[in-house]
Amino acid sequence: MQFSDFAKEYAAKTDEELLRLALAPDQLTEDANCALSAELRSRGLGENERIAEFQQEEQGREQQQEEDTGQLWFLHPYGIGRKRFGKAGYVFDSISGLEEFSTTVFIVMFWLPLIPTGTYRVRRKKQLLSSHMEVLERLPLDWTQVLTAWLIAVGCLIGFVWVWRLLISIKPHI
């Protein structure tokens, strides 16, 4: 892309989107940085103080979202804590390697989802065993995800009980 292409693209973006781009200038090409600077100046957003102020707002917003969702805690040996279930509306961007989806957080007991605490739109870098997620927004509770998680949990519980009863009923031949 050339300067004029970036200029057209940036002219269509919101102030917030432009300021977000300005927070990571090292990730942009030289032409992109020049076009971004020009667009920020034309909107009166080019001062370093405004960018620093926006950065602080973003950090505050991230902290608030962490407080809203709470840190997922989980006592592994006992299966007690908070855990997320589901990936609705899954979107994967192969260029950036980011995946975005909606997920529901439950309070779990003995590894079974009991009480849904909220549904969130999240984004994360797709990596093996990646657990860090950026919460984009809180959504109304997704009852489809809640019911699906509960049905799967009940199915697993019934399967476990069935296998247990089967093992108990087998008498050893001596």
C-alpha atoms as a PDB file:
ATOM      1  CA  MET A   1       0.000   0.000   0.000  1.00  0.00           C
ATOM      2  CA  GLN A   2       1.068   3.558  -0.638  1.00  0.00           C
ATOM      3  CA  PHE A   3       0.642   6.767   1.319  1.00  0.00           C
ATOM      4  CA  SER A   4      -2.579   7.692  -0.523  1.00  0.00           C
ATOM      5  CA  ASP A   5      -4.108   4.270   0.209  1.00  0.00           C
ATOM      6  CA  PHE A   6      -3.322   4.612   3.909  1.00  0.00           C
ATOM      7  CA  ALA A   7      -4.673   8.185   3.905  1.00  0.00           C
ATOM      8  CA  LYS A   8      -8.025   6.996   2.495  1.00  0.00           C
ATOM      9  CA  GLU A   9      -8.203   4.126   4.953  1.00  0.00           C
ATOM     10  CA  TYR A  10      -7.366   6.313   7.959  1.00  0.00           C
ATOM     11  CA  ALA A  11      -9.857   8.991   6.912  1.00  0.00           C
ATOM     12  CA  ALA A  12     -12.624   6.386   7.294  1.00  0.00           C
ATOM     13  CA  LYS A  13     -11.538   5.327  10.809  1.00  0.00           C
ATOM     14  CA  THR A  14     -12.862   6.710  14.087  1.00  0.00           C
ATOM     15  CA  ASP A  15     -10.714   8.858  16.384  1.00  0.00           C
ATOM     16  CA  GLU A  16     -10.420   5.940  18.796  1.00  0.00           C
ATOM     17  CA  GLU A  17      -9.200   3.571  16.074  1.00  0.00           C
ATOM     18  CA  LEU A  18      -6.582   6.110  14.964  1.00  0.00           C
ATOM     19  CA  LEU A  19      -5.351   6.689  18.509  1.00  0.00           C
ATOM     20  CA  ARG A  20      -5.100   2.926  19.015  1.00  0.00           C
ATOM     21  CA  LEU A  21      -2.897   2.722  15.908  1.00  0.00           C
ATOM     22  CA  ALA A  22      -0.799   5.600  17.227  1.00  0.00           C
ATOM     23  CA  LEU A  23       0.002   3.581  20.354  1.00  0.00           C
ATOM     24  CA  ALA A  24       2.027   1.088  18.275  1.00  0.00           C
ATOM     25  CA  PRO A  25       3.830   3.089  15.558  1.00  0.00           C
ATOM     26  CA  ASP A  26       6.637   0.508  15.362  1.00  0.00           C
ATOM     27  CA  GLN A  27       4.152  -1.967  13.896  1.00  0.00           C
ATOM     28  CA  LEU A  28       3.354   0.309  10.936  1.00  0.00           C
ATOM     29  CA  THR A  29       5.275   0.964   7.750  1.00  0.00           C
ATOM     30  CA  GLU A  30       6.820   4.369   7.100  1.00  0.00           C
ATOM     31  CA  ASP A  31       4.014   5.341   4.685  1.00  0.00           C
ATOM     32  CA  ALA A  32       1.386   4.177   7.179  1.00  0.00           C
ATOM     33  CA  ASN A  33       2.991   6.221   9.966  1.00  0.00           C
ATOM     34  CA  CYS A  34       3.124   9.340   7.782  1.00  0.00           C
ATOM     35  CA  ALA A  35      -0.521   8.975   6.762  1.00  0.00           C
ATOM     36  CA  LEU A  36      -1.533   8.319  10.365  1.00  0.00           C
ATOM     37  CA  SER A  37       0.326  11.397  11.620  1.00  0.00           C
ATOM     38  CA  ALA A  38      -1.290  13.554   8.932  1.00  0.00           C
ATOM     39  CA  GLU A  39      -4.788  12.288   9.777  1.00  0.00           C
ATOM     40  CA  LEU A  40      -4.229  12.755  13.526  1.00  0.00           C
ATOM     41  CA  ARG A  41      -3.031  16.348  12.925  1.00  0.00           C
ATOM     42  CA  SER A  42      -6.016  17.127  10.691  1.00  0.00           C
ATOM     43  CA  ARG A  43      -8.362  15.979  13.483  1.00  0.00           C
ATOM     44  CA  GLY A  44      -6.433  17.790  16.205  1.00  0.00           C
ATOM     45  CA  LEU A  45      -5.318  14.550  17.863  1.00  0.00           C
ATOM     46  CA  GLY A  46      -1.639  14.666  16.966  1.00  0.00           C
ATOM     47  CA  GLU A  47      -0.273  16.058  20.234  1.00  0.00           C
ATOM     48  CA  ASN A  48       1.801  13.661  22.332  1.00  0.00           C
ATOM     49  CA  GLU A  49      -0.234  14.622  25.410  1.00  0.00           C
ATOM     50  CA  ARG A  50      -3.466  13.444  23.762  1.00  0.00           C
ATOM     51  CA  ILE A  51      -1.902  10.124  22.743  1.00  0.00           C
ATOM     52  CA  ALA A  52      -0.497   9.607  26.250  1.00  0.00           C
ATOM     53  CA  GLU A  53      -3.911  10.456  27.730  1.00  0.00           C
ATOM     54  CA  PHE A  54      -5.556   7.912  25.418  1.00  0.00           C
ATOM     55  CA  GLN A  55      -2.980   5.290  26.439  1.00  0.00           C
ATOM     56  CA  GLN A  56      -3.886   5.831  30.100  1.00  0.00           C
ATOM     57  CA  GLU A  57      -7.593   5.561  29.235  1.00  0.00           C
ATOM     58  CA  GLU A  58      -6.921   2.261  27.448  1.00  0.00           C
ATOM     59  CA  GLN A  59      -5.008   0.886  30.436  1.00  0.00           C
ATOM     60  CA  GLY A  60      -7.858   1.918  32.739  1.00  0.00           C
ATOM     61  CA  ARG A  61     -10.367   0.269  30.404  1.00  0.00           C
ATOM     62  CA  GLU A  62      -8.339  -2.961  30.368  1.00  0.00           C
ATOM     63  CA  GLN A  63      -8.131  -2.995  34.168  1.00  0.00           C
ATOM     64  CA  GLN A  64     -11.890  -2.411  34.420  1.00  0.00           C
ATOM     65  CA  GLN A  65     -12.564  -5.301  32.041  1.00  0.00           C
ATOM     66  CA  GLU A  66     -10.318  -7.581  34.105  1.00  0.00           C
ATOM     67  CA  GLU A  67     -12.265  -6.580  37.207  1.00  0.00           C
ATOM     68  CA  ASP A  68     -15.565  -7.183  35.383  1.00  0.00           C
ATOM     69  CA  THR A  69     -14.643 -10.680  34.235  1.00  0.00           C
ATOM     70  CA  GLY A  70     -12.546 -11.490  37.268  1.00  0.00           C
ATOM     71  CA  GLN A  71      -9.444 -13.561  37.017  1.00  0.00           C
ATOM     72  CA  LEU A  72     -10.293 -17.111  36.153  1.00  0.00           C
ATOM     73  CA  TRP A  73      -9.220 -19.123  39.152  1.00  0.00           C
ATOM     74  CA  PHE A  74      -9.278 -22.842  39.328  1.00  0.00           C
ATOM     75  CA  LEU A  75      -8.200 -25.274  42.037  1.00  0.00           C
ATOM     76  CA  HIS A  76      -7.231 -28.071  39.696  1.00  0.00           C
ATOM     77  CA  PRO A  77      -7.180 -31.066  42.035  1.00  0.00           C
ATOM     78  CA  TYR A  78     -10.635 -30.255  43.374  1.00  0.00           C
ATOM     79  CA  GLY A  79     -12.280 -28.888  40.211  1.00  0.00           C
ATOM     80  CA  ILE A  80     -13.530 -25.759  41.969  1.00  0.00           C
ATOM     81  CA  GLY A  81     -13.381 -22.230  40.567  1.00  0.00           C
ATOM     82  CA  ARG A  82     -14.252 -20.290  37.432  1.00  0.00           C
ATOM     83  CA  LYS A  83     -13.818 -21.624  33.924  1.00  0.00           C
ATOM     84  CA  ARG A  84     -14.897 -20.534  30.461  1.00  0.00           C
ATOM     85  CA  PHE A  85     -16.904 -22.726  28.112  1.00  0.00           C
ATOM     86  CA  GLY A  86     -17.826 -22.289  24.453  1.00  0.00           C
ATOM     87  CA  LYS A  87     -16.595 -20.502  21.334  1.00  0.00           C
ATOM     88  CA  ALA A  88     -19.588 -18.924  19.605  1.00  0.00           C
ATOM     89  CA  GLY A  89     -19.169 -16.597  16.644  1.00  0.00           C
ATOM     90  CA  TYR A  90     -15.604 -17.790  16.062  1.00  0.00           C
ATOM     91  CA  VAL A  91     -13.503 -15.670  13.676  1.00  0.00           C
ATOM     92  CA  PHE A  92      -9.846 -16.348  12.855  1.00  0.00           C
ATOM     93  CA  ASP A  93      -7.584 -13.851  11.088  1.00  0.00           C
ATOM     94  CA  SER A  94      -4.772 -15.877   9.523  1.00  0.00           C
ATOM     95  CA  ILE A  95      -2.711 -12.753   8.788  1.00  0.00           C
ATOM     96  CA  SER A  96      -2.492 -11.534  12.381  1.00  0.00           C
ATOM     97  CA  GLY A  97      -2.977 -14.965  13.983  1.00  0.00           C
ATOM     98  CA  LEU A  98      -5.769 -13.593  16.188  1.00  0.00           C
ATOM     99  CA  GLU A  99      -8.930 -15.473  17.004  1.00  0.00           C
ATOM    100  CA  GLU A 100     -12.067 -13.794  18.295  1.00  0.00           C
ATOM    101  CA  PHE A 101     -15.106 -15.480  19.825  1.00  0.00           C
ATOM    102  CA  SER A 102     -17.797 -15.277  22.472  1.00  0.00           C
ATOM    103  CA  THR A 103     -17.406 -17.418  25.563  1.00  0.00           C
ATOM    104  CA  THR A 104     -19.328 -17.896  28.796  1.00  0.00           C
ATOM    105  CA  VAL A 105     -17.655 -18.026  32.209  1.00  0.00           C
ATOM    106  CA  PHE A 106     -19.104 -20.423  34.808  1.00  0.00           C
ATOM    107  CA  ILE A 107     -18.531 -21.149  38.452  1.00  0.00           C
ATOM    108  CA  VAL A 108     -17.545 -24.827  38.449  1.00  0.00           C
ATOM    109  CA  MET A 109     -17.708 -27.476  41.133  1.00  0.00           C
ATOM    110  CA  PHE A 110     -16.101 -30.863  40.585  1.00  0.00           C
ATOM    111  CA  TRP A 111     -15.304 -29.750  37.013  1.00  0.00           C
ATOM    112  CA  LEU A 112     -19.001 -29.269  36.184  1.00  0.00           C
ATOM    113  CA  PRO A 113     -20.292 -25.853  35.042  1.00  0.00           C
ATOM    114  CA  LEU A 114     -22.914 -24.748  37.558  1.00  0.00           C
ATOM    115  CA  ILE A 115     -23.585 -21.011  37.552  1.00  0.00           C
ATOM    116  CA  PRO A 116     -22.958 -18.800  34.501  1.00  0.00           C
ATOM    117  CA  THR A 117     -21.383 -15.480  35.539  1.00  0.00           C
ATOM    118  CA  GLY A 118     -21.242 -13.761  32.154  1.00  0.00           C
ATOM    119  CA  THR A 119     -20.692 -13.985  28.419  1.00  0.00           C
ATOM    120  CA  TYR A 120     -17.803 -12.065  26.870  1.00  0.00           C
ATOM    121  CA  ARG A 121     -16.458 -11.305  23.405  1.00  0.00           C
ATOM    122  CA  VAL A 122     -12.731 -12.066  23.622  1.00  0.00           C
ATOM    123  CA  ARG A 123      -9.680 -11.961  21.391  1.00  0.00           C
ATOM    124  CA  ARG A 124      -6.433 -13.859  21.738  1.00  0.00           C
ATOM    125  CA  LYS A 125      -3.380 -14.864  19.762  1.00  0.00           C
ATOM    126  CA  LYS A 126      -3.914 -18.418  18.558  1.00  0.00           C
ATOM    127  CA  GLN A 127      -1.140 -20.433  20.180  1.00  0.00           C
ATOM    128  CA  LEU A 128      -0.881 -23.829  21.729  1.00  0.00           C
ATOM    129  CA  LEU A 129      -1.938 -23.645  25.392  1.00  0.00           C
ATOM    130  CA  SER A 130      -2.571 -19.890  25.212  1.00  0.00           C
ATOM    131  CA  SER A 131      -4.719 -18.656  28.085  1.00  0.00           C
ATOM    132  CA  HIS A 132      -4.252 -14.873  27.884  1.00  0.00           C
ATOM    133  CA  MET A 133      -7.325 -13.205  26.377  1.00  0.00           C
ATOM    134  CA  GLU A 134      -8.283  -9.624  25.757  1.00  0.00           C
ATOM    135  CA  VAL A 135     -11.902  -8.960  26.704  1.00  0.00           C
ATOM    136  CA  LEU A 136     -13.498  -6.799  24.037  1.00  0.00           C
ATOM    137  CA  GLU A 137     -16.941  -6.438  25.568  1.00  0.00           C
ATOM    138  CA  ARG A 138     -19.401  -7.992  27.951  1.00  0.00           C
ATOM    139  CA  LEU A 139     -22.448  -9.449  26.221  1.00  0.00           C
ATOM    140  CA  PRO A 140     -25.856 -10.508  27.456  1.00  0.00           C
ATOM    141  CA  LEU A 141     -25.770 -14.050  28.795  1.00  0.00           C
ATOM    142  CA  ASP A 142     -25.695 -16.494  25.869  1.00  0.00           C
ATOM    143  CA  TRP A 143     -28.270 -19.075  26.902  1.00  0.00           C
ATOM    144  CA  THR A 144     -27.368 -21.315  23.962  1.00  0.00           C
ATOM    145  CA  GLN A 145     -23.835 -21.666  25.346  1.00  0.00           C
ATOM    146  CA  VAL A 146     -25.152 -22.092  28.887  1.00  0.00           C
ATOM    147  CA  LEU A 147     -27.591 -24.853  27.925  1.00  0.00           C
ATOM    148  CA  THR A 148     -24.989 -26.564  25.713  1.00  0.00           C
ATOM    149  CA  ALA A 149     -22.450 -26.584  28.560  1.00  0.00           C
ATOM    150  CA  TRP A 150     -25.045 -27.913  30.988  1.00  0.00           C
ATOM    151  CA  LEU A 151     -26.198 -30.643  28.556  1.00  0.00           C
ATOM    152  CA  ILE A 152     -22.640 -31.780  27.889  1.00  0.00           C
ATOM    153  CA  ALA A 153     -21.920 -31.806  31.637  1.00  0.00           C
ATOM    154  CA  VAL A 154     -25.054 -33.862  32.350  1.00  0.00           C
ATOM    155  CA  GLY A 155     -24.141 -36.258  29.508  1.00  0.00           C
ATOM    156  CA  CYS A 156     -20.641 -36.711  30.921  1.00  0.00           C
ATOM    157  CA  LEU A 157     -22.036 -37.251  34.415  1.00  0.00           C
ATOM    158  CA  ILE A 158     -24.497 -39.874  33.162  1.00  0.00           C
ATOM    159  CA  GLY A 159     -21.706 -41.586  31.193  1.00  0.00           C
ATOM    160  CA  PHE A 160     -19.466 -41.604  34.263  1.00  0.00           C
ATOM    161  CA  VAL A 161     -22.213 -43.101  36.444  1.00  0.00           C
ATOM    162  CA  TRP A 162     -23.006 -45.731  33.768  1.00  0.00           C
ATOM    163  CA  VAL A 163     -19.326 -46.800  33.489  1.00  0.00           C
ATOM    164  CA  TRP A 164     -19.004 -46.858  37.283  1.00  0.00           C
ATOM    165  CA  ARG A 165     -22.079 -49.088  37.663  1.00  0.00           C
ATOM    166  CA  LEU A 166     -20.813 -51.338  34.874  1.00  0.00           C
ATOM    167  CA  LEU A 167     -17.446 -51.765  36.581  1.00  0.00           C
ATOM    168  CA  ILE A 168     -19.080 -52.480  39.941  1.00  0.00           C
ATOM    169  CA  SER A 169     -21.432 -55.090  38.456  1.00  0.00           C
ATOM    170  CA  ILE A 170     -18.591 -57.113  36.897  1.00  0.00           C
ATOM    171  CA  LYS A 171     -17.751 -59.943  39.286  1.00  0.00           C
ATOM    172  CA  PRO A 172     -14.289 -61.382  39.120  1.00  0.00           C
ATOM    173  CA  HIS A 173     -14.073 -65.075  38.255  1.00  0.00           C
ATOM    174  CA  ILE A 174     -11.966 -66.862  40.842  1.00  0.00           C
END
